[in-house]
Amino acid sequence: MSSEDAFNQYKETEKLALRIASDLQTSGAKTEDIEIALITAIFVMHKGKLLPHRIANIIKGHADTLVSYFPQSDIQN
């Protein structure tokens, strides 16, 4: 798979995940519940393949990488 194909596949997956998050918000779910549910899904996806602390480190690494894509100036008070 080319890097362009991999990126396109990622963007399609991202679109689906954002739709799930949006649907949950629309249903009235609390933000914290949505966050925990999505993180739990990541743990379940890796269950039996990786140790829990390794999964947590992967999540933290991805979150740290994404920080630069969401500038603080976007925060609305």
N, C-alpha and C. Protein backbone atom coordinates (compact mmCIF):
# COMPACT_ATOMS: atom_id res chain seq x y z
N MET A 1 0.85 -1.17 0.00
CA MET A 1 0.00 0.00 0.00
C MET A 1 0.90 1.24 0.00
N SER A 2 0.61 2.17 -0.88
CA SER A 2 1.40 3.40 -0.95
C SER A 2 1.08 4.29 0.24
N SER A 3 1.96 5.24 0.49
CA SER A 3 1.72 6.17 1.60
C SER A 3 0.46 7.00 1.34
N GLU A 4 0.20 7.31 0.08
CA GLU A 4 -1.02 8.06 -0.26
C GLU A 4 -2.26 7.21 0.03
N ASP A 5 -2.21 5.93 -0.33
CA ASP A 5 -3.33 5.03 -0.04
C ASP A 5 -3.55 4.88 1.47
N ALA A 6 -2.45 4.76 2.20
CA ALA A 6 -2.53 4.64 3.66
C ALA A 6 -3.15 5.89 4.27
N PHE A 7 -2.75 7.06 3.78
CA PHE A 7 -3.31 8.31 4.29
C PHE A 7 -4.79 8.40 3.98
N ASN A 8 -5.18 8.03 2.76
CA ASN A 8 -6.60 8.06 2.39
C ASN A 8 -7.42 7.10 3.25
N GLN A 9 -6.85 5.93 3.55
CA GLN A 9 -7.53 4.98 4.42
C GLN A 9 -7.68 5.56 5.82
N TYR A 10 -6.62 6.20 6.33
CA TYR A 10 -6.69 6.86 7.64
C TYR A 10 -7.79 7.91 7.65
N LYS A 11 -7.84 8.77 6.62
CA LYS A 11 -8.84 9.84 6.59
C LYS A 11 -10.26 9.27 6.58
N GLU A 12 -10.47 8.17 5.89
CA GLU A 12 -11.79 7.53 5.88
C GLU A 12 -12.13 6.99 7.27
N THR A 13 -11.16 6.38 7.93
CA THR A 13 -11.35 5.88 9.29
C THR A 13 -11.63 7.03 10.25
N GLU A 14 -10.88 8.12 10.10
CA GLU A 14 -11.09 9.30 10.93
C GLU A 14 -12.51 9.83 10.75
N LYS A 15 -12.98 9.89 9.52
CA LYS A 15 -14.32 10.39 9.23
C LYS A 15 -15.37 9.53 9.95
N LEU A 16 -15.20 8.22 9.93
CA LEU A 16 -16.14 7.32 10.61
C LEU A 16 -16.11 7.54 12.12
N ALA A 17 -14.92 7.68 12.69
CA ALA A 17 -14.79 7.90 14.14
C ALA A 17 -15.42 9.23 14.55
N LEU A 18 -15.21 10.26 13.74
CA LEU A 18 -15.82 11.57 14.05
C LEU A 18 -17.34 11.50 13.95
N ARG A 19 -17.84 10.71 13.03
CA ARG A 19 -19.29 10.53 12.90
C ARG A 19 -19.85 9.82 14.14
N ILE A 20 -19.13 8.81 14.64
CA ILE A 20 -19.56 8.11 15.85
C ILE A 20 -19.60 9.09 17.02
N ALA A 21 -18.53 9.88 17.18
CA ALA A 21 -18.49 10.86 18.28
C ALA A 21 -19.63 11.87 18.15
N SER A 22 -19.88 12.33 16.95
CA SER A 22 -20.96 13.29 16.71
C SER A 22 -22.32 12.68 17.03
N ASP A 23 -22.54 11.43 16.61
CA ASP A 23 -23.80 10.75 16.89
C ASP A 23 -24.01 10.60 18.40
N LEU A 24 -22.93 10.30 19.12
CA LEU A 24 -23.04 10.16 20.58
C LEU A 24 -23.37 11.50 21.22
N GLN A 25 -22.75 12.58 20.74
CA GLN A 25 -23.06 13.91 21.28
C GLN A 25 -24.51 14.27 21.01
N THR A 26 -24.96 13.99 19.81
CA THR A 26 -26.34 14.29 19.42
C THR A 26 -27.33 13.51 20.27
N SER A 27 -26.95 12.31 20.68
CA SER A 27 -27.85 11.48 21.50
C SER A 27 -27.94 11.96 22.94
N GLY A 28 -27.09 12.95 23.27
CA GLY A 28 -27.15 13.50 24.63
C GLY A 28 -26.13 12.91 25.58
N ALA A 29 -25.26 12.05 25.09
CA ALA A 29 -24.24 11.45 25.96
C ALA A 29 -23.30 12.55 26.48
N LYS A 30 -22.86 12.39 27.72
CA LYS A 30 -21.93 13.34 28.30
C LYS A 30 -20.56 13.20 27.65
N THR A 31 -19.86 14.31 27.53
CA THR A 31 -18.53 14.32 26.90
C THR A 31 -17.61 13.31 27.55
N GLU A 32 -17.60 13.29 28.88
CA GLU A 32 -16.71 12.38 29.60
C GLU A 32 -17.04 10.92 29.29
N ASP A 33 -18.32 10.61 29.17
CA ASP A 33 -18.73 9.24 28.84
C ASP A 33 -18.27 8.85 27.44
N ILE A 34 -18.37 9.79 26.51
CA ILE A 34 -17.92 9.53 25.13
C ILE A 34 -16.41 9.29 25.13
N GLU A 35 -15.67 10.13 25.86
CA GLU A 35 -14.21 9.97 25.92
C GLU A 35 -13.83 8.59 26.44
N ILE A 36 -14.42 8.21 27.56
CA ILE A 36 -14.10 6.91 28.17
C ILE A 36 -14.49 5.77 27.24
N ALA A 37 -15.65 5.88 26.60
CA ALA A 37 -16.11 4.82 25.70
C ALA A 37 -15.15 4.65 24.51
N LEU A 38 -14.69 5.76 23.94
CA LEU A 38 -13.77 5.67 22.80
C LEU A 38 -12.42 5.10 23.23
N ILE A 39 -11.94 5.50 24.39
CA ILE A 39 -10.67 4.96 24.89
C ILE A 39 -10.83 3.47 25.21
N THR A 40 -11.96 3.11 25.79
CA THR A 40 -12.23 1.70 26.09
C THR A 40 -12.21 0.87 24.81
N ALA A 41 -12.77 1.42 23.74
CA ALA A 41 -12.77 0.71 22.45
C ALA A 41 -11.35 0.43 21.98
N ILE A 42 -10.43 1.36 22.23
CA ILE A 42 -9.03 1.15 21.85
C ILE A 42 -8.43 0.01 22.66
N PHE A 43 -8.70 0.00 23.98
CA PHE A 43 -8.20 -1.08 24.82
C PHE A 43 -8.75 -2.43 24.36
N VAL A 44 -10.04 -2.48 24.07
CA VAL A 44 -10.67 -3.72 23.63
C VAL A 44 -10.07 -4.19 22.29
N MET A 45 -9.81 -3.24 21.40
CA MET A 45 -9.24 -3.57 20.09
C MET A 45 -7.88 -4.26 20.25
N HIS A 46 -7.11 -3.87 21.26
CA HIS A 46 -5.77 -4.42 21.48
C HIS A 46 -5.73 -5.56 22.50
N LYS A 47 -6.87 -5.86 23.13
CA LYS A 47 -6.92 -6.86 24.19
C LYS A 47 -6.38 -8.20 23.70
N GLY A 48 -5.52 -8.78 24.51
CA GLY A 48 -4.92 -10.07 24.16
C GLY A 48 -3.71 -9.96 23.26
N LYS A 49 -3.44 -8.74 22.76
CA LYS A 49 -2.28 -8.53 21.88
C LYS A 49 -1.20 -7.71 22.57
N LEU A 50 -1.61 -6.78 23.43
CA LEU A 50 -0.67 -5.90 24.12
C LEU A 50 -1.06 -5.80 25.59
N LEU A 51 -0.07 -5.52 26.44
CA LEU A 51 -0.33 -5.28 27.85
C LEU A 51 -1.04 -3.93 28.01
N PRO A 52 -1.92 -3.84 29.01
CA PRO A 52 -2.67 -2.59 29.20
C PRO A 52 -1.81 -1.34 29.31
N HIS A 53 -0.68 -1.41 30.00
CA HIS A 53 0.15 -0.20 30.12
C HIS A 53 0.74 0.20 28.78
N ARG A 54 0.99 -0.76 27.91
CA ARG A 54 1.49 -0.46 26.55
C ARG A 54 0.39 0.24 25.74
N ILE A 55 -0.83 -0.22 25.88
CA ILE A 55 -1.95 0.42 25.18
C ILE A 55 -2.10 1.86 25.65
N ALA A 56 -2.00 2.08 26.96
CA ALA A 56 -2.09 3.43 27.50
C ALA A 56 -0.98 4.32 26.94
N ASN A 57 0.22 3.77 26.82
CA ASN A 57 1.34 4.55 26.26
C ASN A 57 1.10 4.90 24.79
N ILE A 58 0.50 3.99 24.05
CA ILE A 58 0.17 4.26 22.64
C ILE A 58 -0.84 5.40 22.56
N ILE A 59 -1.88 5.34 23.39
CA ILE A 59 -2.90 6.39 23.40
C ILE A 59 -2.27 7.73 23.75
N LYS A 60 -1.42 7.74 24.78
CA LYS A 60 -0.76 8.98 25.20
C LYS A 60 0.13 9.51 24.08
N GLY A 61 0.87 8.64 23.42
CA GLY A 61 1.73 9.07 22.32
C GLY A 61 0.95 9.70 21.18
N HIS A 62 -0.16 9.08 20.83
CA HIS A 62 -1.00 9.65 19.77
C HIS A 62 -1.58 10.99 20.20
N ALA A 63 -2.03 11.07 21.46
CA ALA A 63 -2.59 12.34 21.96
C ALA A 63 -1.53 13.43 21.94
N ASP A 64 -0.32 13.10 22.38
CA ASP A 64 0.76 14.09 22.37
C ASP A 64 1.06 14.58 20.95
N THR A 65 1.01 13.69 19.98
CA THR A 65 1.25 14.05 18.59
C THR A 65 0.15 14.99 18.07
N LEU A 66 -1.08 14.73 18.46
CA LEU A 66 -2.21 15.51 17.95
C LEU A 66 -2.30 16.92 18.53
N VAL A 67 -1.68 17.16 19.68
CA VAL A 67 -1.78 18.46 20.34
C VAL A 67 -1.43 19.61 19.39
N SER A 68 -0.40 19.44 18.59
CA SER A 68 0.04 20.53 17.71
C SER A 68 -0.97 20.82 16.59
N TYR A 69 -1.91 19.91 16.35
CA TYR A 69 -2.92 20.13 15.31
C TYR A 69 -4.14 20.88 15.82
N PHE A 70 -4.19 21.11 17.14
CA PHE A 70 -5.34 21.77 17.75
C PHE A 70 -4.84 22.94 18.60
N PRO A 71 -4.61 24.09 17.96
CA PRO A 71 -4.04 25.24 18.68
C PRO A 71 -4.94 25.73 19.80
N GLN A 72 -4.29 26.25 20.85
CA GLN A 72 -5.03 26.77 22.00
C GLN A 72 -5.94 27.92 21.62
N SER A 73 -5.61 28.62 20.55
CA SER A 73 -6.43 29.76 20.14
C SER A 73 -7.83 29.33 19.71
N ASP A 74 -8.03 28.02 19.49
CA ASP A 74 -9.35 27.52 19.09
C ASP A 74 -10.31 27.39 20.27
N ILE A 75 -9.81 27.54 21.50
CA ILE A 75 -10.64 27.36 22.68
C ILE A 75 -11.58 28.55 22.83
N GLN A 76 -12.87 28.24 23.01
CA GLN A 76 -13.87 29.29 23.18
C GLN A 76 -14.27 29.34 24.64
N ASN A 77 -14.16 30.51 25.25
CA ASN A 77 -14.51 30.65 26.67
C ASN A 77 -15.96 30.94 26.87
